PDB file of N, CA and C in Angstrom:
ATOM      1  N   MET A   1    -125.831-226.551-101.816  1.00  0.00           N
ATOM      2  CA  MET A   1    -126.332-226.078-103.081  1.00  0.00           C
ATOM      3  C   MET A   1    -125.440-226.640-104.177  1.00  0.00           C
ATOM      4  N   SER A   2    -126.022-227.121-105.236  1.00  0.00           N
ATOM      5  CA  SER A   2    -125.255-227.739-106.303  1.00  0.00           C
ATOM      6  C   SER A   2    -124.654-226.693-107.233  1.00  0.00           C
ATOM      7  N   GLN A   3    -123.712-227.142-108.043  1.00  0.00           N
ATOM      8  CA  GLN A   3    -123.041-226.251-108.991  1.00  0.00           C
ATOM      9  C   GLN A   3    -124.034-225.706-110.008  1.00  0.00           C
ATOM     10  N   VAL A   4    -125.007-226.516-110.415  1.00  0.00           N
ATOM     11  CA  VAL A   4    -126.003-226.081-111.383  1.00  0.00           C
ATOM     12  C   VAL A   4    -126.852-224.957-110.802  1.00  0.00           C
ATOM     13  N   GLU A   5    -127.236-225.089-109.532  1.00  0.00           N
ATOM     14  CA  GLU A   5    -128.036-224.042-108.893  1.00  0.00           C
ATOM     15  C   GLU A   5    -127.244-222.758-108.752  1.00  0.00           C
ATOM     16  N   ILE A   6    -125.967-222.863-108.414  1.00  0.00           N
ATOM     17  CA  ILE A   6    -125.122-221.678-108.288  1.00  0.00           C
ATOM     18  C   ILE A   6    -124.995-220.973-109.636  1.00  0.00           C
ATOM     19  N   ASN A   7    -124.766-221.748-110.689  1.00  0.00           N
ATOM     20  CA  ASN A   7    -124.649-221.152-112.020  1.00  0.00           C
ATOM     21  C   ASN A   7    -125.951-220.505-112.444  1.00  0.00           C
ATOM     22  N   THR A   8    -127.070-221.104-112.086  1.00  0.00           N
ATOM     23  CA  THR A   8    -128.375-220.525-112.410  1.00  0.00           C
ATOM     24  C   THR A   8    -128.566-219.197-111.692  1.00  0.00           C
ATOM     25  N   VAL A   9    -128.218-219.158-110.407  1.00  0.00           N
ATOM     26  CA  VAL A   9    -128.331-217.924-109.634  1.00  0.00           C
ATOM     27  C   VAL A   9    -127.428-216.844-110.218  1.00  0.00           C
ATOM     28  N   LEU A  10    -126.184-217.213-110.566  1.00  0.00           N
ATOM     29  CA  LEU A  10    -125.264-216.244-111.159  1.00  0.00           C
ATOM     30  C   LEU A  10    -125.785-215.713-112.489  1.00  0.00           C
ATOM     31  N   ALA A  11    -126.339-216.590-113.301  1.00  0.00           N
ATOM     32  CA  ALA A  11    -126.895-216.161-114.586  1.00  0.00           C
ATOM     33  C   ALA A  11    -128.059-215.200-114.374  1.00  0.00           C
ATOM     34  N   GLN A  12    -128.916-215.477-113.396  1.00  0.00           N
ATOM     35  CA  GLN A  12    -130.031-214.582-113.100  1.00  0.00           C
ATOM     36  C   GLN A  12    -129.531-213.229-112.608  1.00  0.00           C
ATOM     37  N   MET A  13    -128.490-213.237-111.769  1.00  0.00           N
ATOM     38  CA  MET A  13    -127.939-211.983-111.270  1.00  0.00           C
ATOM     39  C   MET A  13    -127.333-211.160-112.405  1.00  0.00           C
ATOM     40  N   ARG A  14    -126.655-211.818-113.328  1.00  0.00           N
ATOM     41  CA  ARG A  14    -126.076-211.105-114.475  1.00  0.00           C
ATOM     42  C   ARG A  14    -127.163-210.546-115.373  1.00  0.00           C
ATOM     43  N   ALA A  15    -128.238-211.305-115.573  1.00  0.00           N
ATOM     44  CA  ALA A  15    -129.339-210.828-116.402  1.00  0.00           C
ATOM     45  C   ALA A  15    -130.016-209.617-115.764  1.00  0.00           C
ATOM     46  N   MET A  16    -130.216-209.658-114.450  1.00  0.00           N
ATOM     47  CA  MET A  16    -130.827-208.517-113.762  1.00  0.00           C
ATOM     48  C   MET A  16    -129.907-207.303-113.810  1.00  0.00           C
ATOM     49  N   ALA A  17    -128.598-207.520-113.673  1.00  0.00           N
ATOM     50  CA  ALA A  17    -127.646-206.407-113.740  1.00  0.00           C
ATOM     51  C   ALA A  17    -127.642-205.791-115.132  1.00  0.00           C
ATOM     52  N   ALA A  18    -127.720-206.636-116.163  1.00  0.00           N
ATOM     53  CA  ALA A  18    -127.756-206.123-117.528  1.00  0.00           C
ATOM     54  C   ALA A  18    -129.044-205.347-117.785  1.00  0.00           C
ATOM     55  N   ALA A  19    -130.158-205.846-117.262  1.00  0.00           N
ATOM     56  CA  ALA A  19    -131.440-205.148-117.428  1.00  0.00           C
ATOM     57  C   ALA A  19    -131.440-203.811-116.699  1.00  0.00           C
ATOM     58  N   ALA A  20    -130.721-203.743-115.581  1.00  0.00           N
ATOM     59  CA  ALA A  20    -130.663-202.501-114.812  1.00  0.00           C
ATOM     60  C   ALA A  20    -129.618-201.543-115.366  1.00  0.00           C
ATOM     61  N   GLY A  21    -128.816-201.993-116.319  1.00  0.00           N
ATOM     62  CA  GLY A  21    -127.804-201.133-116.908  1.00  0.00           C
ATOM     63  C   GLY A  21    -126.553-201.006-116.064  1.00  0.00           C
ATOM     64  N   VAL A  22    -126.316-201.977-115.185  1.00  0.00           N
ATOM     65  CA  VAL A  22    -125.141-201.956-114.328  1.00  0.00           C
ATOM     66  C   VAL A  22    -123.954-202.492-115.112  1.00  0.00           C
ATOM     67  N   GLU A  23    -122.814-201.796-115.001  1.00  0.00           N
ATOM     68  CA  GLU A  23    -121.606-202.237-115.687  1.00  0.00           C
ATOM     69  C   GLU A  23    -121.092-203.518-115.059  1.00  0.00           C
ATOM     70  N   GLN A  24    -120.702-204.474-115.882  1.00  0.00           N
ATOM     71  CA  GLN A  24    -120.190-205.743-115.391  1.00  0.00           C
ATOM     72  C   GLN A  24    -118.802-205.548-114.806  1.00  0.00           C
ATOM     73  N   PRO A  25    -118.436-206.273-113.728  1.00  0.00           N
ATOM     74  CA  PRO A  25    -117.151-206.079-113.066  1.00  0.00           C
ATOM     75  C   PRO A  25    -115.962-206.687-113.782  1.00  0.00           C
ATOM     76  N   ASN A  26    -116.133-207.283-114.952  1.00  0.00           N
ATOM     77  CA  ASN A  26    -115.023-207.924-115.648  1.00  0.00           C
ATOM     78  C   ASN A  26    -114.079-206.939-116.311  1.00  0.00           C
ATOM     79  N   ALA A  27    -114.489-205.692-116.469  1.00  0.00           N
ATOM     80  CA  ALA A  27    -113.633-204.691-117.096  1.00  0.00           C
ATOM     81  C   ALA A  27    -113.866-203.353-116.423  1.00  0.00           C
ATOM     82  N   ASP A  28    -112.787-202.575-116.297  1.00  0.00           N
ATOM     83  CA  ASP A  28    -112.956-201.249-115.720  1.00  0.00           C
ATOM     84  C   ASP A  28    -113.232-200.228-116.823  1.00  0.00           C
ATOM     85  N   ALA A  29    -113.234-198.936-116.477  1.00  0.00           N
ATOM     86  CA  ALA A  29    -113.621-197.881-117.404  1.00  0.00           C
ATOM     87  C   ALA A  29    -112.689-197.808-118.614  1.00  0.00           C
ATOM     88  N   GLN A  30    -111.413-198.178-118.484  1.00  0.00           N
ATOM     89  CA  GLN A  30    -110.485-198.117-119.602  1.00  0.00           C
ATOM     90  C   GLN A  30    -110.556-199.361-120.481  1.00  0.00           C
ATOM     91  N   GLY A  31    -111.359-200.315-120.118  1.00  0.00           N
ATOM     92  CA  GLY A  31    -111.497-201.521-120.916  1.00  0.00           C
ATOM     93  C   GLY A  31    -110.466-202.592-120.589  1.00  0.00           C
ATOM     94  N   THR A  32    -109.663-202.390-119.551  1.00  0.00           N
ATOM     95  CA  THR A  32    -108.702-203.417-119.165  1.00  0.00           C
ATOM     96  C   THR A  32    -109.427-204.518-118.412  1.00  0.00           C
ATOM     97  N   PRO A  33    -108.967-205.737-118.539  1.00  0.00           N
ATOM     98  CA  PRO A  33    -109.674-206.843-117.873  1.00  0.00           C
ATOM     99  C   PRO A  33    -109.585-206.737-116.359  1.00  0.00           C
ATOM    100  N   GLY A  34    -110.645-207.171-115.689  1.00  0.00           N
ATOM    101  CA  GLY A  34    -110.680-207.180-114.236  1.00  0.00           C
ATOM    102  C   GLY A  34    -109.898-208.352-113.682  1.00  0.00           C
ATOM    103  N   VAL A  35    -109.755-208.382-112.383  1.00  0.00           N
ATOM    104  CA  VAL A  35    -109.027-209.454-111.720  1.00  0.00           C
ATOM    105  C   VAL A  35    -109.960-210.647-111.539  1.00  0.00           C
ATOM    106  N   ASP A  36    -109.478-211.821-111.907  1.00  0.00           N
ATOM    107  CA  ASP A  36    -110.239-213.049-111.699  1.00  0.00           C
ATOM    108  C   ASP A  36    -110.057-213.455-110.243  1.00  0.00           C
ATOM    109  N   PHE A  37    -111.132-213.404-109.467  1.00  0.00           N
ATOM    110  CA  PHE A  37    -111.044-213.654-108.037  1.00  0.00           C
ATOM    111  C   PHE A  37    -110.568-215.063-107.735  1.00  0.00           C
ATOM    112  N   GLY A  38    -111.050-216.032-108.485  1.00  0.00           N
ATOM    113  CA  GLY A  38    -110.635-217.418-108.269  1.00  0.00           C
ATOM    114  C   GLY A  38    -109.145-217.597-108.480  1.00  0.00           C
ATOM    115  N   GLN A  39    -108.621-217.005-109.543  1.00  0.00           N
ATOM    116  CA  GLN A  39    -107.191-217.081-109.828  1.00  0.00           C
ATOM    117  C   GLN A  39    -106.392-216.365-108.744  1.00  0.00           C
ATOM    118  N   PHE A  40    -106.899-215.217-108.291  1.00  0.00           N
ATOM    119  CA  PHE A  40    -106.245-214.464-107.226  1.00  0.00           C
ATOM    120  C   PHE A  40    -106.167-215.285-105.948  1.00  0.00           C
ATOM    121  N   MET A  41    -107.260-215.972-105.599  1.00  0.00           N
ATOM    122  CA  MET A  41    -107.271-216.802-104.394  1.00  0.00           C
ATOM    123  C   MET A  41    -106.304-217.974-104.527  1.00  0.00           C
ATOM    124  N   GLN A  42    -106.251-218.594-105.702  1.00  0.00           N
ATOM    125  CA  GLN A  42    -105.318-219.702-105.904  1.00  0.00           C
ATOM    126  C   GLN A  42    -103.877-219.240-105.743  1.00  0.00           C
ATOM    127  N   GLU A  43    -103.558-218.082-106.306  1.00  0.00           N
ATOM    128  CA  GLU A  43    -102.206-217.553-106.180  1.00  0.00           C
ATOM    129  C   GLU A  43    -101.888-217.223-104.727  1.00  0.00           C
ATOM    130  N   SER A  44    -102.857-216.650-104.018  1.00  0.00           N
ATOM    131  CA  SER A  44    -102.657-216.311-102.607  1.00  0.00           C
ATOM    132  C   SER A  44    -102.436-217.563-101.770  1.00  0.00           C
ATOM    133  N   LEU A  45    -103.230-218.600-102.020  1.00  0.00           N
ATOM    134  CA  LEU A  45    -103.049-219.858-101.295  1.00  0.00           C
ATOM    135  C   LEU A  45    -101.686-220.479-101.593  1.00  0.00           C
ATOM    136  N   ALA A  46    -101.247-220.372-102.831  1.00  0.00           N
ATOM    137  CA  ALA A  46     -99.928-220.903-103.194  1.00  0.00           C
ATOM    138  C   ALA A  46     -98.824-220.137-102.463  1.00  0.00           C
ATOM    139  N   GLU A  47     -98.972-218.820-102.341  1.00  0.00           N
ATOM    140  CA  GLU A  47     -97.983-218.020-101.617  1.00  0.00           C
ATOM    141  C   GLU A  47     -97.952-218.383-100.137  1.00  0.00           C
ATOM    142  N   VAL A  48     -99.124-218.600 -99.549  1.00  0.00           N
ATOM    143  CA  VAL A  48     -99.182-219.009 -98.144  1.00  0.00           C
ATOM    144  C   VAL A  48     -98.520-220.371 -97.969  1.00  0.00           C
ATOM    145  N   ASN A  49     -98.802-221.279 -98.874  1.00  0.00           N
ATOM    146  CA  ASN A  49     -98.187-222.606 -98.821  1.00  0.00           C
ATOM    147  C   ASN A  49     -96.671-222.511 -98.955  1.00  0.00           C
ATOM    148  N   ASP A  50     -96.193-221.668 -99.868  1.00  0.00           N
ATOM    149  CA  ASP A  50     -94.755-221.492-100.037  1.00  0.00           C
ATOM    150  C   ASP A  50     -94.112-220.942 -98.764  1.00  0.00           C
ATOM    151  N   ALA A  51     -94.775-219.966 -98.126  1.00  0.00           N
ATOM    152  CA  ALA A  51     -94.239-219.387 -96.887  1.00  0.00           C
ATOM    153  C   ALA A  51     -94.166-220.436 -95.789  1.00  0.00           C
ATOM    154  N   GLN A  52     -95.190-221.269 -95.687  1.00  0.00           N
ATOM    155  CA  GLN A  52     -95.186-222.319 -94.671  1.00  0.00           C
ATOM    156  C   GLN A  52     -94.126-223.372 -94.961  1.00  0.00           C
ATOM    157  N   THR A  53     -93.971-223.724 -96.225  1.00  0.00           N
ATOM    158  CA  THR A  53     -92.955-224.709 -96.612  1.00  0.00           C
ATOM    159  C   THR A  53     -91.560-224.177 -96.316  1.00  0.00           C
ATOM    160  N   ARG A  54     -91.335-222.913 -96.658  1.00  0.00           N
ATOM    161  CA  ARG A  54     -90.016-222.297 -96.401  1.00  0.00           C
ATOM    162  C   ARG A  54     -89.720-222.279 -94.903  1.00  0.00           C
ATOM    163  N   ALA A  55     -90.708-221.899 -94.086  1.00  0.00           N
ATOM    164  CA  ALA A  55     -90.503-221.860 -92.634  1.00  0.00           C
ATOM    165  C   ALA A  55     -90.210-223.255 -92.096  1.00  0.00           C
ATOM    166  N   LYS A  56     -90.906-224.245 -92.603  1.00  0.00           N
ATOM    167  CA  LYS A  56     -90.686-225.626 -92.152  1.00  0.00           C
ATOM    168  C   LYS A  56     -89.287-226.107 -92.537  1.00  0.00           C
ATOM    169  N   GLU A  57     -88.855-225.777 -93.763  1.00  0.00           N
ATOM    170  CA  GLU A  57     -87.521-226.169 -94.208  1.00  0.00           C
ATOM    171  C   GLU A  57     -86.441-225.477 -93.377  1.00  0.00           C
ATOM    172  N   LEU A  58     -86.639-224.178 -93.095  1.00  0.00           N
ATOM    173  CA  LEU A  58     -85.669-223.452 -92.269  1.00  0.00           C
ATOM    174  C   LEU A  58     -85.612-224.027 -90.852  1.00  0.00           C
ATOM    175  N   ALA A  59     -86.769-224.380 -90.306  1.00  0.00           N
ATOM    176  CA  ALA A  59     -86.807-224.952 -88.956  1.00  0.00           C
ATOM    177  C   ALA A  59     -86.058-226.282 -88.924  1.00  0.00           C
ATOM    178  N   ALA A  60     -86.267-227.114 -89.935  1.00  0.00           N
ATOM    179  CA  ALA A  60     -85.568-228.398 -89.989  1.00  0.00           C
ATOM    180  C   ALA A  60     -84.064-228.197 -90.132  1.00  0.00           C
ATOM    181  N   ALA A  61     -83.681-227.218 -90.959  1.00  0.00           N
ATOM    182  CA  ALA A  61     -82.262-226.938 -91.151  1.00  0.00           C
ATOM    183  C   ALA A  61     -81.637-226.400 -89.867  1.00  0.00           C
ATOM    184  N   PHE A  62     -82.352-225.533 -89.161  1.00  0.00           N
ATOM    185  CA  PHE A  62     -81.834-224.977 -87.909  1.00  0.00           C
ATOM    186  C   PHE A  62     -81.705-226.055 -86.843  1.00  0.00           C
ATOM    187  N   GLU A  63     -82.716-226.918 -86.761  1.00  0.00           N
ATOM    188  CA  GLU A  63     -82.691-227.992 -85.769  1.00  0.00           C
ATOM    189  C   GLU A  63     -81.558-228.976 -86.015  1.00  0.00           C
ATOM    190  N   SER A  64     -81.235-229.194 -87.280  1.00  0.00           N
ATOM    191  CA  SER A  64     -80.161-230.129 -87.598  1.00  0.00           C
ATOM    192  C   SER A  64     -78.785-229.467 -87.517  1.00  0.00           C
ATOM    193  N   GLY A  65     -78.751-228.152 -87.289  1.00  0.00           N
ATOM    194  CA  GLY A  65     -77.486-227.451 -87.105  1.00  0.00           C
ATOM    195  C   GLY A  65     -76.762-227.095 -88.383  1.00  0.00           C
ATOM    196  N   GLN A  66     -77.495-226.954 -89.482  1.00  0.00           N
ATOM    197  CA  GLN A  66     -76.860-226.596 -90.748  1.00  0.00           C
ATOM    198  C   GLN A  66     -76.276-225.189 -90.676  1.00  0.00           C
ATOM    199  N   GLU A  67     -75.174-224.988 -91.378  1.00  0.00           N
ATOM    200  CA  GLU A  67     -74.515-223.682 -91.435  1.00  0.00           C
ATOM    201  C   GLU A  67     -75.365-222.705 -92.241  1.00  0.00           C
ATOM    202  N   GLY A  68     -75.330-221.451 -91.841  1.00  0.00           N
ATOM    203  CA  GLY A  68     -75.999-220.399 -92.605  1.00  0.00           C
ATOM    204  C   GLY A  68     -77.448-220.165 -92.238  1.00  0.00           C
ATOM    205  N   VAL A  69     -78.019-220.933 -91.343  1.00  0.00           N
ATOM    206  CA  VAL A  69     -79.406-220.732 -90.922  1.00  0.00           C
ATOM    207  C   VAL A  69     -79.372-220.087 -89.540  1.00  0.00           C
ATOM    208  N   GLU A  70     -79.774-218.838 -89.498  1.00  0.00           N
ATOM    209  CA  GLU A  70     -79.743-218.079 -88.254  1.00  0.00           C
ATOM    210  C   GLU A  70     -81.120-218.080 -87.611  1.00  0.00           C
ATOM    211  N   LEU A  71     -81.136-217.961 -86.292  1.00  0.00           N
ATOM    212  CA  LEU A  71     -82.396-217.946 -85.545  1.00  0.00           C
ATOM    213  C   LEU A  71     -83.303-216.777 -85.943  1.00  0.00           C
ATOM    214  N   PRO A  72     -82.785-215.553 -86.116  1.00  0.00           N
ATOM    215  CA  PRO A  72     -83.676-214.448 -86.527  1.00  0.00           C
ATOM    216  C   PRO A  72     -84.343-214.701 -87.878  1.00  0.00           C
ATOM    217  N   GLU A  73     -83.588-215.273 -88.814  1.00  0.00           N
ATOM    218  CA  GLU A  73     -84.149-215.595 -90.127  1.00  0.00           C
ATOM    219  C   GLU A  73     -85.279-216.611 -89.991  1.00  0.00           C
ATOM    220  N   LEU A  74     -85.057-217.608 -89.160  1.00  0.00           N
ATOM    221  CA  LEU A  74     -86.074-218.627 -88.914  1.00  0.00           C
ATOM    222  C   LEU A  74     -87.321-218.024 -88.278  1.00  0.00           C
ATOM    223  N   MET A  75     -87.137-217.175 -87.281  1.00  0.00           N
ATOM    224  CA  MET A  75     -88.278-216.576 -86.585  1.00  0.00           C
ATOM    225  C   MET A  75     -89.087-215.676 -87.514  1.00  0.00           C
ATOM    226  N   VAL A  76     -88.408-214.912 -88.359  1.00  0.00           N
ATOM    227  CA  VAL A  76     -89.108-214.055 -89.316  1.00  0.00           C
ATOM    228  C   VAL A  76     -89.906-214.905 -90.304  1.00  0.00           C
ATOM    229  N   ALA A  77     -89.309-215.968 -90.801  1.00  0.00           N
ATOM    230  CA  ALA A  77     -90.008-216.851 -91.743  1.00  0.00           C
ATOM    231  C   ALA A  77     -91.224-217.495 -91.084  1.00  0.00           C
ATOM    232  N   MET A  78     -91.082-217.897 -89.822  1.00  0.00           N
ATOM    233  CA  MET A  78     -92.216-218.511 -89.123  1.00  0.00           C
ATOM    234  C   MET A  78     -93.333-217.496 -88.884  1.00  0.00           C
ATOM    235  N   GLN A  79     -92.977-216.262 -88.552  1.00  0.00           N
ATOM    236  CA  GLN A  79     -93.987-215.232 -88.343  1.00  0.00           C
ATOM    237  C   GLN A  79     -94.695-214.872 -89.647  1.00  0.00           C
ATOM    238  N   LYS A  80     -93.945-214.795 -90.745  1.00  0.00           N
ATOM    239  CA  LYS A  80     -94.557-214.535 -92.054  1.00  0.00           C
ATOM    240  C   LYS A  80     -95.558-215.632 -92.397  1.00  0.00           C
ATOM    241  N   ALA A  81     -95.164-216.878 -92.180  1.00  0.00           N
ATOM    242  CA  ALA A  81     -96.046-218.007 -92.475  1.00  0.00           C
ATOM    243  C   ALA A  81     -97.292-217.953 -91.600  1.00  0.00           C
ATOM    244  N   SER A  82     -97.113-217.645 -90.328  1.00  0.00           N
ATOM    245  CA  SER A  82     -98.245-217.579 -89.406  1.00  0.00           C
ATOM    246  C   SER A  82     -99.208-216.449 -89.774  1.00  0.00           C
ATOM    247  N   LEU A  83     -98.663-215.271 -90.042  1.00  0.00           N
ATOM    248  CA  LEU A  83     -99.511-214.130 -90.386  1.00  0.00           C
ATOM    249  C   LEU A  83    -100.232-214.337 -91.710  1.00  0.00           C
ATOM    250  N   SER A  84     -99.539-214.892 -92.685  1.00  0.00           N
ATOM    251  CA  SER A  84    -100.187-215.121 -93.979  1.00  0.00           C
ATOM    252  C   SER A  84    -101.292-216.163 -93.850  1.00  0.00           C
ATOM    253  N   PHE A  85    -101.078-217.182 -93.015  1.00  0.00           N
ATOM    254  CA  PHE A  85    -102.121-218.184 -92.811  1.00  0.00           C
ATOM    255  C   PHE A  85    -103.330-217.571 -92.098  1.00  0.00           C
ATOM    256  N   GLN A  86    -103.079-216.745 -91.090  1.00  0.00           N
ATOM    257  CA  GLN A  86    -104.182-216.081 -90.392  1.00  0.00           C
ATOM    258  C   GLN A  86    -104.956-215.171 -91.332  1.00  0.00           C
ATOM    259  N   ALA A  87    -104.240-214.449 -92.198  1.00  0.00           N
ATOM    260  CA  ALA A  87    -104.905-213.536 -93.134  1.00  0.00           C
ATOM    261  C   ALA A  87    -105.773-214.304 -94.125  1.00  0.00           C
ATOM    262  N   ILE A  88    -105.248-215.381 -94.689  1.00  0.00           N
ATOM    263  CA  ILE A  88    -106.028-216.140 -95.678  1.00  0.00           C
ATOM    264  C   ILE A  88    -107.213-216.825 -95.002  1.00  0.00           C
ATOM    265  N   THR A  89    -107.063-217.198 -93.737  1.00  0.00           N
ATOM    266  CA  THR A  89    -108.187-217.778 -92.996  1.00  0.00           C
ATOM    267  C   THR A  89    -109.291-216.745 -92.799  1.00  0.00           C
ATOM    268  N   GLN A  90    -108.918-215.507 -92.503  1.00  0.00           N
ATOM    269  CA  GLN A  90    -109.905-214.446 -92.337  1.00  0.00           C
ATOM    270  C   GLN A  90    -110.609-214.138 -93.658  1.00  0.00           C
ATOM    271  N   VAL A  91    -109.861-214.162 -94.751  1.00  0.00           N
ATOM    272  CA  VAL A  91    -110.481-213.952 -96.069  1.00  0.00           C
ATOM    273  C   VAL A  91    -111.480-215.059 -96.352  1.00  0.00           C
ATOM    274  N   ARG A  92    -111.086-216.299 -96.046  1.00  0.00           N
ATOM    275  CA  ARG A  92    -112.004-217.424 -96.243  1.00  0.00           C
ATOM    276  C   ARG A  92    -113.267-217.263 -95.403  1.00  0.00           C
ATOM    277  N   ASN A  93    -113.096-216.855 -94.143  1.00  0.00           N
ATOM    278  CA  ASN A  93    -114.252-216.672 -93.265  1.00  0.00           C
ATOM    279  C   ASN A  93    -115.187-215.587 -93.791  1.00  0.00           C
ATOM    280  N   LYS A  94    -114.615-214.479 -94.257  1.00  0.00           N
ATOM    281  CA  LYS A  94    -115.431-213.389 -94.795  1.00  0.00           C
ATOM    282  C   LYS A  94    -116.135-213.827 -96.072  1.00  0.00           C
ATOM    283  N   LEU A  95    -115.441-214.563 -96.914  1.00  0.00           N
ATOM    284  CA  LEU A  95    -116.036-215.055 -98.152  1.00  0.00           C
ATOM    285  C   LEU A  95    -117.182-216.013 -97.863  1.00  0.00           C
ATOM    286  N   LEU A  96    -116.992-216.903 -96.912  1.00  0.00           N
ATOM    287  CA  LEU A  96    -118.039-217.843 -96.528  1.00  0.00           C
ATOM    288  C   LEU A  96    -119.235-217.110 -95.931  1.00  0.00           C
ATOM    289  N   SER A  97    -118.964-216.114 -95.114  1.00  0.00           N
ATOM    290  CA  SER A  97    -120.030-215.321 -94.511  1.00  0.00           C
ATOM    291  C   SER A  97    -120.833-214.580 -95.583  1.00  0.00           C
ATOM    292  N   ALA A  98    -120.132-214.000 -96.554  1.00  0.00           N
ATOM    293  CA  ALA A  98    -120.818-213.291 -97.641  1.00  0.00           C
ATOM    294  C   ALA A  98    -121.651-214.261 -98.480  1.00  0.00           C
ATOM    295  N   TYR A  99    -121.107-215.428 -98.752  1.00  0.00           N
ATOM    296  CA  TYR A  99    -121.843-216.437 -99.522  1.00  0.00           C
ATOM    297  C   TYR A  99    -123.121-216.849 -98.786  1.00  0.00           C
ATOM    298  N   GLN A 100    -122.996-217.092 -97.479  1.00  0.00           N
ATOM    299  CA  GLN A 100    -124.168-217.494 -96.702  1.00  0.00           C
ATOM    300  C   GLN A 100    -125.199-216.368 -96.669  1.00  0.00           C
ATOM    301  N   GLU A 101    -124.743-215.132 -96.586  1.00  0.00           N
ATOM    302  CA  GLU A 101    -125.659-213.996 -96.576  1.00  0.00           C
ATOM    303  C   GLU A 101    -126.406-213.880 -97.904  1.00  0.00           C
ATOM    304  N   VAL A 102    -125.693-214.065 -99.002  1.00  0.00           N
ATOM    305  CA  VAL A 102    -126.327-214.005-100.325  1.00  0.00           C
ATOM    306  C   VAL A 102    -127.323-215.145-100.476  1.00  0.00           C
ATOM    307  N   MET A 103    -126.973-216.327 -99.997  1.00  0.00           N
ATOM    308  CA  MET A 103    -127.865-217.471-100.137  1.00  0.00           C
ATOM    309  C   MET A 103    -129.115-217.326 -99.277  1.00  0.00           C
ATOM    310  N   ASN A 104    -129.041-216.560 -98.193  1.00  0.00           N
ATOM    311  CA  ASN A 104    -130.196-216.364 -97.318  1.00  0.00           C
ATOM    312  C   ASN A 104    -131.075-215.186 -97.746  1.00  0.00           C
ATOM    313  N   MET A 105    -130.678-214.482 -98.809  1.00  0.00           N
ATOM    314  CA  MET A 105    -131.468-213.341 -99.277  1.00  0.00           C
ATOM    315  C   MET A 105    -132.789-213.822 -99.875  1.00  0.00           C
ATOM    316  N   GLN A 106    -133.803-213.019 -99.649  1.00  0.00           N
ATOM    317  CA  GLN A 106    -135.095-213.298-100.273  1.00  0.00           C
ATOM    318  C   GLN A 106    -135.069-212.796-101.721  1.00  0.00           C
ATOM    319  N   VAL A 107    -135.500-213.629-102.641  1.00  0.00           N
ATOM    320  CA  VAL A 107    -135.498-213.240-104.062  1.00  0.00           C
ATOM    321  C   VAL A 107    -136.887-212.855-104.479  1.00  0.00           C
TER     322      VAL A 107
END
């Protein structure tokens, strides 16, 4: 599906929500701005990348025998990187599944 078609579908959904009197998700009841999902995902991906980079750097430092790099610290960093990658992969899978479900809906 092209970007133009996606934008058209989103515009139609917003118009139907406005006609139905549904509050838009960009602001909560106090008028504070909502969370931008795209920005949130970018930040999350950057954090996962940082965790993986840190684990890789610690592993290289440990393998080369640098002072101050302990095995428990390395193992914790590797587990954090692994868990964060698994979590972001699951979020991606759920997001893709939801997108496919919305695209298969009858209009």
